Amino acid sequence: MKLEMTLPERPSFLHALPILDLLALVMLFPVLTAALAPQAGVEVELPETEFRLQRVANPIVLSVSGGSEPEYWVGKQRVEREALMSVVAERAGDWNEGGRPAVLLKVDKSAQSLGMELSFELLREGYRCLWGAKLAQ
């Protein structure tokens, strides 16, 4: 008795499965790297805290880097100190989340005094100030 193979000579759909797996991985990597990318334009070393930040949908992210010449960033846009409040006001014009516009301050450890000045200035202008910090472990 001779055994016969029931599959065709070249089953093309079986050879295509590894390619489909590879394509799924290639499509998955950009999605994951976008979620892990920094949210603002500059990386800052945040102070530690034991408190959790309240959740606010789409806050205006204002980052201040440390060093002798601090850099100011609104989102991913670098801004000079003199134009900072006008850029924040421009972004607040697009605010549609309800209530006062929220500004998330991400201030480097070495520039805490600048962050305090900025928060007082933002509070005087009528914004809600949220300080970004990393949780203490």
C-alpha atoms as a PDB file:
ATOM      1  CA  MET A   1       0.000   0.000   0.000  1.00  0.00           C
ATOM      2  CA  LYS A   2       1.455   3.293  -1.073  1.00  0.00           C
ATOM      3  CA  LEU A   3       0.840   6.403   1.025  1.00  0.00           C
ATOM      4  CA  GLU A   4      -0.083   9.534  -0.843  1.00  0.00           C
ATOM      5  CA  MET A   5       0.283  13.091   0.366  1.00  0.00           C
ATOM      6  CA  THR A   6      -2.980  15.016   0.442  1.00  0.00           C
ATOM      7  CA  LEU A   7      -1.356  18.448   0.395  1.00  0.00           C
ATOM      8  CA  PRO A   8      -0.442  20.032  -2.894  1.00  0.00           C
ATOM      9  CA  GLU A   9       3.178  20.015  -3.916  1.00  0.00           C
ATOM     10  CA  ARG A  10       3.826  23.598  -2.702  1.00  0.00           C
ATOM     11  CA  PRO A  11       1.323  24.720  -0.073  1.00  0.00           C
ATOM     12  CA  SER A  12       1.804  28.481  -0.454  1.00  0.00           C
ATOM     13  CA  PHE A  13      -0.339  29.541   2.516  1.00  0.00           C
ATOM     14  CA  LEU A  14       1.880  27.567   4.924  1.00  0.00           C
ATOM     15  CA  HIS A  15       4.987  29.353   3.640  1.00  0.00           C
ATOM     16  CA  ALA A  16       3.305  32.741   4.097  1.00  0.00           C
ATOM     17  CA  LEU A  17       2.611  32.331   7.846  1.00  0.00           C
ATOM     18  CA  PRO A  18       6.140  33.238   9.049  1.00  0.00           C
ATOM     19  CA  ILE A  19       6.043  36.346   6.848  1.00  0.00           C
ATOM     20  CA  LEU A  20       2.737  37.386   8.396  1.00  0.00           C
ATOM     21  CA  ASP A  21       4.234  36.968  11.878  1.00  0.00           C
ATOM     22  CA  LEU A  22       7.173  39.138  10.890  1.00  0.00           C
ATOM     23  CA  LEU A  23       4.881  41.829   9.475  1.00  0.00           C
ATOM     24  CA  ALA A  24       2.840  41.848  12.692  1.00  0.00           C
ATOM     25  CA  LEU A  25       6.022  42.421  14.713  1.00  0.00           C
ATOM     26  CA  VAL A  26       7.194  45.170  12.372  1.00  0.00           C
ATOM     27  CA  MET A  27       3.859  46.938  12.828  1.00  0.00           C
ATOM     28  CA  LEU A  28       3.923  46.453  16.610  1.00  0.00           C
ATOM     29  CA  PHE A  29       7.346  48.036  17.286  1.00  0.00           C
ATOM     30  CA  PRO A  30       6.418  51.625  16.244  1.00  0.00           C
ATOM     31  CA  VAL A  31       3.310  51.455  18.417  1.00  0.00           C
ATOM     32  CA  LEU A  32       5.305  50.385  21.471  1.00  0.00           C
ATOM     33  CA  THR A  33       8.163  52.835  20.956  1.00  0.00           C
ATOM     34  CA  ALA A  34       5.733  55.759  20.650  1.00  0.00           C
ATOM     35  CA  ALA A  35       4.253  54.849  24.033  1.00  0.00           C
ATOM     36  CA  LEU A  36       7.705  54.704  25.642  1.00  0.00           C
ATOM     37  CA  ALA A  37       9.027  57.938  24.126  1.00  0.00           C
ATOM     38  CA  PRO A  38       9.361  61.019  26.328  1.00  0.00           C
ATOM     39  CA  GLN A  39       6.233  63.154  26.382  1.00  0.00           C
ATOM     40  CA  ALA A  40       7.893  66.538  26.269  1.00  0.00           C
ATOM     41  CA  GLY A  41      10.814  67.975  24.363  1.00  0.00           C
ATOM     42  CA  VAL A  42      13.454  67.704  27.085  1.00  0.00           C
ATOM     43  CA  GLU A  43      14.330  65.057  29.651  1.00  0.00           C
ATOM     44  CA  VAL A  44      14.479  66.300  33.235  1.00  0.00           C
ATOM     45  CA  GLU A  45      15.380  64.581  36.488  1.00  0.00           C
ATOM     46  CA  LEU A  46      12.226  64.856  38.574  1.00  0.00           C
ATOM     47  CA  PRO A  47      12.249  65.014  42.376  1.00  0.00           C
ATOM     48  CA  GLU A  48      10.825  62.081  44.332  1.00  0.00           C
ATOM     49  CA  THR A  49       7.501  62.172  46.149  1.00  0.00           C
ATOM     50  CA  GLU A  50       5.139  59.793  47.911  1.00  0.00           C
ATOM     51  CA  PHE A  51       2.019  61.394  46.437  1.00  0.00           C
ATOM     52  CA  ARG A  52       0.284  60.585  43.174  1.00  0.00           C
ATOM     53  CA  LEU A  53      -0.536  63.261  40.633  1.00  0.00           C
ATOM     54  CA  GLN A  54      -4.193  63.759  39.850  1.00  0.00           C
ATOM     55  CA  ARG A  55      -5.152  62.792  36.319  1.00  0.00           C
ATOM     56  CA  VAL A  56      -5.854  65.594  33.882  1.00  0.00           C
ATOM     57  CA  ALA A  57      -6.671  65.008  30.236  1.00  0.00           C
ATOM     58  CA  ASN A  58      -4.183  66.685  27.872  1.00  0.00           C
ATOM     59  CA  PRO A  59      -2.424  69.163  30.171  1.00  0.00           C
ATOM     60  CA  ILE A  60      -0.069  71.794  28.810  1.00  0.00           C
ATOM     61  CA  VAL A  61       3.366  70.292  29.559  1.00  0.00           C
ATOM     62  CA  LEU A  62       5.958  72.876  30.584  1.00  0.00           C
ATOM     63  CA  SER A  63       9.475  71.484  31.143  1.00  0.00           C
ATOM     64  CA  VAL A  64      12.451  73.284  32.673  1.00  0.00           C
ATOM     65  CA  SER A  65      15.904  71.747  32.350  1.00  0.00           C
ATOM     66  CA  GLY A  66      18.619  72.191  34.938  1.00  0.00           C
ATOM     67  CA  GLY A  67      22.071  73.664  34.612  1.00  0.00           C
ATOM     68  CA  SER A  68      23.532  77.136  34.461  1.00  0.00           C
ATOM     69  CA  GLU A  69      21.412  78.075  31.414  1.00  0.00           C
ATOM     70  CA  PRO A  70      17.993  76.439  31.925  1.00  0.00           C
ATOM     71  CA  GLU A  71      15.915  75.665  28.847  1.00  0.00           C
ATOM     72  CA  TYR A  72      12.141  76.103  28.764  1.00  0.00           C
ATOM     73  CA  TRP A  73       9.973  73.769  26.715  1.00  0.00           C
ATOM     74  CA  VAL A  74       6.216  73.876  26.119  1.00  0.00           C
ATOM     75  CA  GLY A  75       5.365  70.430  24.828  1.00  0.00           C
ATOM     76  CA  LYS A  76       8.073  69.720  22.261  1.00  0.00           C
ATOM     77  CA  GLN A  77       8.694  73.368  21.413  1.00  0.00           C
ATOM     78  CA  ARG A  78      11.680  75.198  22.891  1.00  0.00           C
ATOM     79  CA  VAL A  79      10.691  78.655  24.132  1.00  0.00           C
ATOM     80  CA  GLU A  80      12.625  81.644  25.424  1.00  0.00           C
ATOM     81  CA  ARG A  81      11.775  82.770  28.967  1.00  0.00           C
ATOM     82  CA  GLU A  82      10.360  86.109  27.788  1.00  0.00           C
ATOM     83  CA  ALA A  83       7.865  84.426  25.423  1.00  0.00           C
ATOM     84  CA  LEU A  84       6.945  81.585  27.767  1.00  0.00           C
ATOM     85  CA  MET A  85       3.677  82.962  29.150  1.00  0.00           C
ATOM     86  CA  SER A  86       2.431  84.004  25.704  1.00  0.00           C
ATOM     87  CA  VAL A  87       3.054  80.488  24.329  1.00  0.00           C
ATOM     88  CA  VAL A  88       1.246  78.953  27.320  1.00  0.00           C
ATOM     89  CA  ALA A  89      -1.653  81.387  26.767  1.00  0.00           C
ATOM     90  CA  GLU A  90      -1.758  80.374  23.104  1.00  0.00           C
ATOM     91  CA  ARG A  91      -1.931  76.688  24.061  1.00  0.00           C
ATOM     92  CA  ALA A  92      -4.571  77.479  26.699  1.00  0.00           C
ATOM     93  CA  GLY A  93      -6.713  78.981  23.946  1.00  0.00           C
ATOM     94  CA  ASP A  94      -7.031  75.461  22.512  1.00  0.00           C
ATOM     95  CA  TRP A  95      -8.084  74.052  25.915  1.00  0.00           C
ATOM     96  CA  ASN A  96     -11.422  72.260  25.646  1.00  0.00           C
ATOM     97  CA  GLU A  97     -11.327  69.919  28.630  1.00  0.00           C
ATOM     98  CA  GLY A  98     -13.515  72.124  30.847  1.00  0.00           C
ATOM     99  CA  GLY A  99     -12.476  74.246  33.798  1.00  0.00           C
ATOM    100  CA  ARG A 100      -9.288  76.239  34.034  1.00  0.00           C
ATOM    101  CA  PRO A 101      -6.414  75.125  31.794  1.00  0.00           C
ATOM    102  CA  ALA A 102      -3.991  72.769  33.553  1.00  0.00           C
ATOM    103  CA  VAL A 103      -0.225  73.180  33.227  1.00  0.00           C
ATOM    104  CA  LEU A 104       1.975  70.207  34.135  1.00  0.00           C
ATOM    105  CA  LEU A 105       5.343  71.498  35.360  1.00  0.00           C
ATOM    106  CA  LYS A 106       8.264  69.139  34.884  1.00  0.00           C
ATOM    107  CA  VAL A 107      11.137  70.893  36.592  1.00  0.00           C
ATOM    108  CA  ASP A 108      14.630  69.455  37.013  1.00  0.00           C
ATOM    109  CA  LYS A 109      15.832  68.900  40.590  1.00  0.00           C
ATOM    110  CA  SER A 110      18.487  71.574  40.218  1.00  0.00           C
ATOM    111  CA  ALA A 111      15.993  74.228  39.044  1.00  0.00           C
ATOM    112  CA  GLN A 112      13.355  74.005  41.779  1.00  0.00           C
ATOM    113  CA  SER A 113      13.479  77.742  42.541  1.00  0.00           C
ATOM    114  CA  LEU A 114      12.695  78.531  38.884  1.00  0.00           C
ATOM    115  CA  GLY A 115       9.801  76.101  39.063  1.00  0.00           C
ATOM    116  CA  MET A 116       8.380  77.862  42.106  1.00  0.00           C
ATOM    117  CA  GLU A 117       8.581  81.239  40.339  1.00  0.00           C
ATOM    118  CA  LEU A 118       6.864  79.766  37.285  1.00  0.00           C
ATOM    119  CA  SER A 119       4.112  78.166  39.346  1.00  0.00           C
ATOM    120  CA  PHE A 120       3.357  81.456  41.154  1.00  0.00           C
ATOM    121  CA  GLU A 121       3.266  83.267  37.820  1.00  0.00           C
ATOM    122  CA  LEU A 122       0.964  80.632  36.301  1.00  0.00           C
ATOM    123  CA  LEU A 123      -1.342  80.731  39.329  1.00  0.00           C
ATOM    124  CA  ARG A 124      -1.586  84.531  39.049  1.00  0.00           C
ATOM    125  CA  GLU A 125      -2.608  84.112  35.389  1.00  0.00           C
ATOM    126  CA  GLY A 126      -5.399  81.689  36.415  1.00  0.00           C
ATOM    127  CA  TYR A 127      -3.954  78.300  35.416  1.00  0.00           C
ATOM    128  CA  ARG A 128      -4.038  75.101  37.451  1.00  0.00           C
ATOM    129  CA  CYS A 129      -0.461  74.029  38.263  1.00  0.00           C
ATOM    130  CA  LEU A 130       0.487  70.375  38.572  1.00  0.00           C
ATOM    131  CA  TRP A 131       4.020  69.396  39.552  1.00  0.00           C
ATOM    132  CA  GLY A 132       5.418  66.289  37.918  1.00  0.00           C
ATOM    133  CA  ALA A 133       7.525  64.052  40.170  1.00  0.00           C
ATOM    134  CA  LYS A 134       8.532  60.407  40.285  1.00  0.00           C
ATOM    135  CA  LEU A 135       7.160  58.158  42.990  1.00  0.00           C
ATOM    136  CA  ALA A 136       9.566  57.294  45.816  1.00  0.00           C
ATOM    137  CA  GLN A 137      10.235  53.596  46.088  1.00  0.00           C
END
